[in-house]
Protein backbone atom coordinates (compact mmCIF):
# COMPACT_ATOMS: atom_id res chain seq x y z
CA MET A 1 38.46 115.08 41.46
CA SER A 2 38.48 112.42 44.48
CA ILE A 3 41.64 111.83 46.40
CA ARG A 4 43.19 110.53 49.47
CA LYS A 5 43.46 113.49 52.20
CA LEU A 6 44.69 113.90 55.78
CA ALA A 7 40.94 113.92 57.40
CA CYS A 8 42.68 113.66 61.28
CA TYR A 9 44.68 115.80 63.32
CA VAL A 10 46.05 114.16 66.67
CA GLY A 11 48.63 115.85 69.12
CA LEU A 12 49.35 118.26 71.91
CA SER A 13 49.33 122.45 72.09
CA TRP A 14 50.76 123.36 68.58
CA VAL A 15 51.65 120.00 67.36
CA LEU A 16 50.18 118.12 64.39
CA ILE A 17 49.85 114.94 63.18
CA ALA A 18 47.34 113.20 60.71
CA CYS A 19 46.04 110.29 59.83
CA ALA A 20 45.13 109.96 55.83
CA SER A 21 41.80 107.70 55.80
CA THR A 22 38.84 109.84 53.59
CA GLU A 23 38.31 110.48 50.38
CA PHE A 24 37.04 113.83 49.16
CA SER A 25 37.80 116.75 46.97
CA ILE A 26 39.24 120.10 47.29
CA PRO A 27 40.02 122.73 45.24
CA ALA A 28 42.57 125.23 44.46
CA VAL A 29 43.83 127.97 45.77
CA THR A 30 41.66 131.10 44.69
CA GLY A 31 43.76 133.08 41.79
CA SER A 32 45.75 130.12 40.55
CA THR A 33 47.96 130.66 37.43
CA ALA A 34 48.44 127.99 34.96
CA GLY A 35 52.17 126.56 36.55
CA ALA A 36 53.33 129.56 38.47
CA ARG A 37 54.98 129.10 41.81
CA GLN A 38 55.58 131.22 44.33
CA PRO A 39 57.92 129.83 46.84
CA GLY A 40 58.39 130.99 50.62
CA LYS A 41 55.15 133.11 49.92
CA ILE A 42 52.15 132.27 52.36
CA ILE A 43 49.09 131.36 50.53
CA TRP A 44 46.47 129.41 52.54
CA HIS A 45 45.68 129.46 56.27
CA ASP A 46 43.77 126.89 57.82
CA LEU A 47 41.68 126.56 61.10
CA LEU A 48 41.03 123.95 63.24
CA THR A 49 38.43 124.72 66.21
CA ASP A 50 36.83 122.83 68.71
CA THR A 51 34.03 125.56 68.47
CA PRO A 52 33.33 125.61 64.64
CA ALA A 53 29.32 126.74 64.80
CA ALA A 54 30.45 129.77 67.36
CA THR A 55 33.37 130.36 65.29
CA ARG A 56 31.57 130.75 61.90
CA ALA A 57 29.19 133.03 63.51
CA PHE A 58 32.26 134.89 65.00
CA TYR A 59 34.02 135.66 61.70
CA ALA A 60 30.69 135.95 60.04
CA GLY A 61 29.95 139.09 62.50
CA LEU A 62 33.04 140.49 62.04
CA PHE A 63 34.23 140.09 59.13
CA GLY A 64 31.03 138.69 57.00
CA TRP A 65 33.44 135.51 56.29
CA GLU A 66 31.15 132.50 54.72
CA PHE A 67 31.37 128.80 55.16
CA GLU A 68 30.44 126.40 52.81
CA PRO A 69 30.94 122.48 53.80
CA LEU A 70 32.36 119.96 51.57
CA ASP A 71 30.11 117.15 51.34
CA GLY A 72 31.14 113.82 53.69
CA VAL A 73 33.66 114.96 55.05
CA ASN A 74 35.47 117.44 57.87
CA TYR A 75 36.62 120.54 56.11
CA THR A 76 34.78 123.51 55.65
CA LEU A 77 35.79 126.79 52.98
CA ILE A 78 35.86 130.21 54.22
CA LYS A 79 35.22 132.84 51.52
CA HIS A 80 35.02 136.11 51.85
CA GLN A 81 33.21 137.95 49.52
CA GLY A 82 32.73 135.40 47.34
CA GLU A 83 36.41 134.65 46.90
CA LEU A 84 38.09 131.30 48.82
CA ILE A 85 40.63 132.30 52.11
CA GLY A 86 40.78 129.51 53.95
CA GLY A 87 39.54 126.16 55.21
CA MET A 88 38.56 124.91 58.81
CA VAL A 89 38.58 122.06 60.75
CA ASP A 90 35.97 120.75 62.99
CA GLN A 91 38.41 119.64 65.83
CA ASN A 92 35.78 117.32 68.10
CA LEU A 93 35.87 115.13 64.95
CA LEU A 94 39.66 114.55 65.16
CA PRO A 95 40.67 111.17 67.43
CA THR A 96 42.31 113.34 70.15
CA GLU A 97 41.18 115.06 73.63
CA ALA A 98 44.54 118.02 73.52
CA ASP A 99 42.98 121.31 72.39
CA ILE A 100 45.11 122.23 69.13
CA SER A 101 42.98 125.06 67.88
CA GLN A 102 44.65 127.55 66.19
CA TRP A 103 45.40 128.81 62.97
CA VAL A 104 47.77 126.75 60.59
CA VAL A 105 49.71 128.87 57.64
CA LEU A 106 50.42 127.47 54.84
CA PHE A 107 53.96 127.68 52.58
CA SER A 108 54.01 127.58 48.61
CA VAL A 109 57.44 125.23 47.40
CA SER A 110 58.01 124.19 44.27
CA ASP A 111 58.37 121.06 45.58
CA VAL A 112 57.83 119.37 48.91
CA GLU A 113 59.77 116.16 48.66
CA LEU A 114 63.07 118.59 48.64
CA ALA A 115 61.38 120.79 51.01
CA THR A 116 60.33 118.14 53.49
CA ARG A 117 63.37 116.56 53.00
CA ARG A 118 65.47 119.75 53.64
CA LEU A 119 63.53 120.24 56.93
CA ARG A 120 64.06 117.12 58.27
CA GLU A 121 67.79 117.46 58.03
CA ALA A 122 68.20 121.28 59.43
CA GLY A 123 66.03 119.84 62.54
CA GLY A 124 62.30 119.97 61.92
CA THR A 125 59.37 117.42 62.07
CA VAL A 126 57.31 116.03 59.53
CA PHE A 127 54.23 115.03 60.56
CA THR A 128 52.62 113.97 57.85
CA PRO A 129 54.80 113.21 54.38
CA PRO A 130 54.03 115.26 51.29
CA THR A 131 50.33 113.54 50.52
CA SER A 132 47.96 114.16 47.60
CA LEU A 133 44.90 116.66 47.93
CA GLY A 134 44.21 116.66 44.23
CA GLU A 135 43.09 119.76 42.48
CA ARG A 136 44.43 121.82 45.33
CA GLY A 137 48.02 119.74 44.85
CA THR A 138 50.08 117.97 47.37
CA ILE A 139 51.27 119.02 51.16
CA ALA A 140 53.13 118.23 54.06
CA VAL A 141 52.03 119.09 58.07
CA VAL A 142 55.50 119.09 59.37
CA ALA A 143 56.78 122.01 62.17
CA ASP A 144 60.33 124.26 61.91
CA PRO A 145 62.95 123.00 64.29
CA GLN A 146 62.05 125.58 66.86
CA GLY A 147 58.74 123.65 67.00
CA ALA A 148 55.91 126.50 65.34
CA VAL A 149 53.33 124.21 62.76
CA LEU A 150 53.15 125.17 59.54
CA ALA A 151 52.31 123.02 56.46
CA LEU A 152 54.35 122.93 52.78
CA LEU A 153 51.63 122.84 49.85
CA GLU A 154 53.06 122.28 46.21
CA THR A 155 50.11 123.44 44.29
CA ARG A 156 48.92 121.77 41.46
CA ASP A 157 47.88 124.25 39.21
CA GLY A 158 49.59 127.12 40.42
CA ASP A 159 50.14 130.10 43.05
CA PRO A 160 47.78 132.85 43.86
CA PRO A 161 49.68 135.99 42.22
CA ASP A 162 50.87 138.84 43.60
CA THR A 163 49.35 142.05 43.89
CA ASP A 164 50.57 145.69 44.62
CA GLY A 165 47.74 146.76 46.58
CA PRO A 166 46.81 145.23 49.98
CA PRO A 167 44.22 142.65 50.33
CA PRO A 168 40.60 144.13 50.70
CA ALA A 169 39.82 144.49 54.61
CA GLY A 170 39.03 141.33 56.20
CA ARG A 171 41.80 139.67 54.36
CA PHE A 172 45.23 138.46 55.31
CA LEU A 173 47.45 140.68 55.39
CA TRP A 174 50.51 139.50 57.23
CA ASP A 175 52.16 136.40 58.88
CA GLU A 176 54.90 136.28 61.72
CA LEU A 177 56.90 134.00 63.18
CA TRP A 178 56.96 134.25 66.86
CA THR A 179 60.37 132.67 68.26
CA GLY A 180 63.19 132.85 70.89
CA GLU A 181 65.72 132.31 68.09
CA VAL A 182 65.38 135.43 65.70
CA ASP A 183 68.35 134.81 63.75
CA THR A 184 68.14 130.78 63.55
CA ALA A 185 64.52 130.58 62.28
CA ALA A 186 65.30 133.60 59.70
CA ARG A 187 68.34 130.86 59.01
CA PHE A 188 66.32 128.38 58.23
CA TYR A 189 63.34 129.67 56.37
CA THR A 190 65.84 131.03 54.03
CA GLU A 191 67.65 127.95 53.57
CA LEU A 192 64.50 126.03 53.04
CA VAL A 193 62.93 128.11 50.86
CA SER A 194 65.30 130.46 48.55
CA LEU A 195 64.12 133.52 50.47
CA SER A 196 66.16 136.89 51.13
CA SER A 197 66.57 137.69 54.48
CA GLN A 198 67.02 141.92 55.98
CA SER A 199 67.42 142.29 59.22
CA PHE A 200 66.50 145.51 61.46
CA ARG A 201 65.01 146.92 65.20
CA LEU A 202 61.32 147.34 65.62
CA GLU A 203 59.73 149.64 68.16
CA THR A 204 56.92 148.08 69.93
CA GLY A 205 55.56 148.53 73.31
CA GLY A 206 57.89 150.44 74.70
CA GLU A 207 61.19 148.63 73.68
CA SER A 208 63.29 147.81 70.38
CA ILE A 209 62.95 143.68 69.64
CA GLU A 210 65.14 141.90 66.85
CA TYR A 211 63.06 141.74 63.46
CA ARG A 212 63.76 140.02 59.99
CA ILE A 213 61.58 140.87 56.64
CA LEU A 214 61.95 137.33 54.54
CA ALA A 215 61.82 138.17 50.79
CA ALA A 216 61.89 137.05 47.17
CA GLY A 217 63.58 139.52 45.20
CA GLU A 218 61.57 142.95 46.22
CA ARG A 219 58.09 140.87 47.56
CA PRO A 220 58.33 140.77 51.68
CA ARG A 221 56.75 137.66 52.54
CA ALA A 222 56.41 136.68 56.07
CA GLY A 223 58.45 138.51 59.67
CA VAL A 224 60.67 136.84 61.93
CA ARG A 225 60.18 138.89 65.31
CA SER A 226 61.71 137.95 68.94
CA ARG A 227 58.23 135.93 70.99
CA PRO A 228 57.14 138.70 73.67
CA ALA A 229 56.80 136.62 76.47
CA GLN A 230 59.76 134.04 77.21
CA ASP A 231 57.66 131.33 78.42
CA MET A 232 55.62 131.08 74.81
CA ASP A 233 55.92 128.25 72.25
CA PRO A 234 56.91 129.47 68.85
CA ARG A 235 53.86 129.72 66.02
CA TRP A 236 52.58 131.64 63.36
CA VAL A 237 50.87 134.48 64.00
CA SER A 238 48.56 136.19 61.46
CA TYR A 239 47.43 139.44 60.71
CA LEU A 240 43.85 141.09 59.00
CA ARG A 241 43.73 143.45 57.31
CA VAL A 242 41.31 146.36 58.85
CA ALA A 243 41.15 149.56 56.45
CA ASP A 244 40.98 152.66 59.36
CA GLU A 245 40.96 152.92 63.18
CA ALA A 246 36.93 153.34 62.82
CA GLN A 247 36.28 150.13 61.95
CA MET A 248 39.20 148.86 64.30
CA THR A 249 37.35 149.99 66.80
CA ALA A 250 33.87 148.78 65.40
CA ILE A 251 35.24 145.24 65.19
CA LEU A 252 37.06 145.58 69.08
CA SER A 253 33.23 146.16 70.31
CA ARG A 254 31.57 142.88 68.49
CA VAL A 255 34.71 140.48 69.81
CA ASP A 256 33.07 140.04 73.44
CA SER A 257 29.37 139.83 72.46
CA LEU A 258 30.35 137.56 69.80
CA GLY A 259 32.21 135.01 72.22
CA GLY A 260 35.92 135.94 71.53
CA GLN A 261 38.20 137.77 73.64
CA VAL A 262 40.16 140.54 73.26
CA LEU A 263 43.87 139.86 74.11
CA VAL A 264 46.03 142.96 72.85
CA PRO A 265 43.34 146.16 72.81
CA ALA A 266 44.15 148.03 69.61
CA THR A 267 47.88 149.88 70.12
CA ALA A 268 49.36 152.34 67.98
CA ARG A 269 52.47 151.59 66.12
CA PRO A 270 54.95 154.45 66.57
CA GLU A 271 55.14 154.89 62.01
CA GLY A 272 51.13 154.89 62.32
CA GLY A 273 48.45 152.57 62.12
CA LEU A 274 46.63 150.15 65.15
CA VAL A 275 47.38 146.66 65.69
CA ALA A 276 45.33 144.14 67.72
CA ILE A 277 45.11 140.51 68.91
CA ILE A 278 42.07 138.47 69.86
CA THR A 279 40.65 135.16 70.22
CA GLY A 280 37.79 133.45 68.22
CA PRO A 281 35.37 131.58 70.57
CA SER A 282 37.76 127.99 70.51
CA GLY A 283 40.85 130.15 71.27
CA ALA A 284 42.56 130.54 68.47
CA GLY A 285 44.31 133.71 68.47
CA ILE A 286 44.67 135.30 65.10
CA ALA A 287 45.73 139.53 64.89
CA LEU A 288 44.33 142.60 63.45
CA GLN A 289 46.13 145.52 61.76
CA THR A 290 45.13 148.55 60.10
CA TRP A 291 46.74 149.64 56.54
CA GLU A 292 45.50 152.48 54.34
CA SER A 293 44.64 152.34 51.17
CA GLY A 294 47.61 153.78 49.30
CA GLN A 295 50.16 151.15 51.18
CA VAL A 296 51.72 148.53 49.74
CA LEU A 297 53.48 145.31 51.45
CA ALA A 298 56.68 146.07 49.89
CA GLU A 299 56.54 149.92 52.56
CA ARG A 300 55.93 147.26 55.60
CA ARG A 301 60.10 147.01 56.01
CA LYS A 302 59.42 151.19 56.97
CA SER A 303 55.85 151.56 58.51
CA LEU A 304 56.42 148.44 60.86
């Protein structure tokens, strides 16, 4: 289907502004089911990078990801084991000199017009008003009231269904908002997409920090935690699943040679498992976490 899409992203760090100009076709998200939407679920991830070739080699070398450019447009589909998991935009083709390399999460909403209006009324910023992406649905690029960038997506045909087990290693496992205003941010998202919020203390790095689980019924959808540094801008951080300690060690050993950087080496969690943070060649950060096959995401509230 031929559509009008956001083809230009302009802005400063962690700020996206889009301009609609180019027509192209973009597929629906993986596993869509007829009409079923799950508001509050993060159903897609897009990567903006100023090093597209090196980024492709980086993620292919670490996780075996595959990349499929769409003809005539600045958008590349990301696949893992043949299934769509995300997209990539070449920042060099955008009308900006600022480095905006980053991962962007896409939230499912049942009514993008309503969600965009609620976000604006709550003090958020709308960079791109609701815009059709054809088969994928309708998107709005926004920032929450604290300034964290995200996108709202009302899918055309439905959202990927939930599964009880973890995704295969190398796919997205979890997403967290790192912010200086945990209570305020959690309240905003519960009101934006009708999620519930559960509060507890998270032991990490020898300290206890605020943490919220945003959930839809019994399904955890995302976390909200206090940022690790006061001078860090609010941002969404995505986690990729790593099968076990051996795979984590193997992945981290290849990061530097593939042009990335290990920001936080593999760190043991009090409840078991390992977490690490890396960047790709463009500097866009992403977290890695081991997750045993027998665990389900609903147990995350007990095992963080």
